Protein backbone atom coordinates (compact mmCIF):
# COMPACT_ATOMS: atom_id res chain seq x y z
CA MET A 1 33.32 146.29 45.38
CA SER A 2 35.99 148.65 47.16
CA VAL A 3 36.50 152.08 45.90
CA ASP A 4 39.75 152.19 48.29
CA GLY A 5 42.87 153.53 45.88
CA SER A 6 43.94 155.90 43.61
CA TRP A 7 41.54 156.37 40.32
CA LYS A 8 42.29 158.48 37.15
CA ILE A 9 38.89 160.47 36.09
CA THR A 10 37.84 161.99 33.32
CA VAL A 11 34.91 164.19 32.91
CA ASN A 12 33.43 164.65 29.43
CA SER A 13 32.41 168.51 29.88
CA PRO A 14 31.42 170.70 27.21
CA MET A 15 34.79 172.29 27.55
CA GLY A 16 36.20 169.11 26.75
CA LYS A 17 37.91 166.06 28.84
CA GLN A 18 38.82 167.06 32.19
CA GLU A 19 41.14 164.72 34.04
CA GLY A 20 41.98 164.40 37.71
CA THR A 21 43.30 161.88 40.22
CA TYR A 22 41.29 160.83 43.13
CA ASP A 23 42.76 158.86 45.89
CA LEU A 24 39.41 157.36 47.79
CA LYS A 25 39.09 155.22 51.12
CA ALA A 26 35.83 154.00 52.34
CA GLU A 27 35.20 153.84 55.96
CA GLY A 28 31.95 152.18 56.64
CA SER A 29 29.43 153.99 54.63
CA ALA A 30 31.66 157.35 54.68
CA LEU A 31 33.84 158.11 51.66
CA THR A 32 37.08 160.21 52.14
CA GLY A 33 39.73 161.13 49.89
CA VAL A 34 41.74 163.88 47.88
CA GLN A 35 41.17 165.04 44.66
CA SER A 36 44.02 166.44 42.39
CA GLY A 37 44.36 167.98 38.83
CA GLN A 38 45.49 171.30 36.93
CA GLY A 39 48.26 171.66 39.58
CA HIS A 40 45.78 171.82 42.80
CA SER A 41 44.52 169.41 45.61
CA GLN A 42 41.79 169.63 48.03
CA PRO A 43 39.80 167.06 49.77
CA ILE A 44 36.25 165.81 48.91
CA LYS A 45 33.41 166.35 50.47
CA ASP A 46 29.84 164.67 51.53
CA GLY A 47 31.45 161.34 50.61
CA LYS A 48 29.48 158.12 50.39
CA VAL A 49 29.29 154.56 49.85
CA ASP A 50 26.59 151.92 49.33
CA GLY A 51 27.82 148.84 48.12
CA ASP A 52 29.31 149.72 44.73
CA LYS A 53 27.53 153.11 44.62
CA VAL A 54 29.72 155.98 45.30
CA SER A 55 28.92 159.71 45.69
CA TRP A 56 31.06 162.84 46.36
CA SER A 57 31.52 166.51 45.92
CA ASN A 58 34.50 168.91 45.20
CA THR A 59 34.85 172.38 44.19
CA ILE A 60 36.84 173.70 41.45
CA THR A 61 38.12 177.08 40.84
CA THR A 62 39.25 176.79 37.29
CA PRO A 63 37.63 178.08 34.55
CA MET A 64 35.47 179.34 37.41
CA PRO A 65 34.46 178.77 40.83
CA LEU A 66 31.92 175.53 40.80
CA THR A 67 30.88 172.64 42.94
CA LEU A 68 30.84 169.17 41.25
CA LYS A 69 28.66 166.57 42.60
CA PHE A 70 29.69 163.08 41.44
CA THR A 71 27.52 159.74 41.53
CA GLY A 72 29.04 156.45 40.20
CA VAL A 73 28.99 152.93 40.52
CA VAL A 74 32.49 150.76 40.79
CA PHE A 75 32.70 147.98 38.32
CA GLY A 76 36.32 146.11 39.49
CA ASP A 77 38.90 148.39 38.59
CA SER A 78 36.68 150.88 36.86
CA ILE A 79 34.34 153.45 37.90
CA LYS A 80 31.35 155.38 35.54
CA GLY A 81 28.78 157.83 36.60
CA LYS A 82 27.66 161.36 36.29
CA VAL A 83 28.70 164.69 37.57
CA LYS A 84 26.56 167.58 38.11
CA ALA A 85 28.22 170.80 37.63
CA GLY A 86 25.52 173.30 39.01
CA VAL A 87 23.69 175.51 36.57
CA PHE A 88 25.35 173.56 33.79
CA GLY A 89 23.93 170.22 33.79
CA ALA A 90 25.04 166.79 34.44
CA PHE A 91 28.08 165.04 32.44
CA ASP A 92 29.36 161.51 32.25
CA PHE A 93 32.39 160.90 33.91
CA GLU A 94 34.67 157.65 33.97
CA GLY A 95 37.86 156.38 35.44
CA PHE A 96 40.36 153.51 36.08
CA ARG A 97 42.26 152.55 39.10
CA ALA A 98 45.83 154.06 38.88
């Protein structure tokens, strides 16, 4: 299943739901894209695709500087998985193709 496209993704964190938009594109086994949220945009890093499985990371600055590591599975026009937030543990995320 193709991950290419724009995704509205919600992370269920202890600080409440955190929403962002991810524009993703697979190039072979590499995943590239841009994350936008809370008035900021930045490229994703370390993106990988393996069939319907995807992973990437991005850095946030609000409410504190932190690297988020996503691993998920694409199901048609939805995506679900976990995001590891450093020492704060892992949280569920889900998204839908915009």
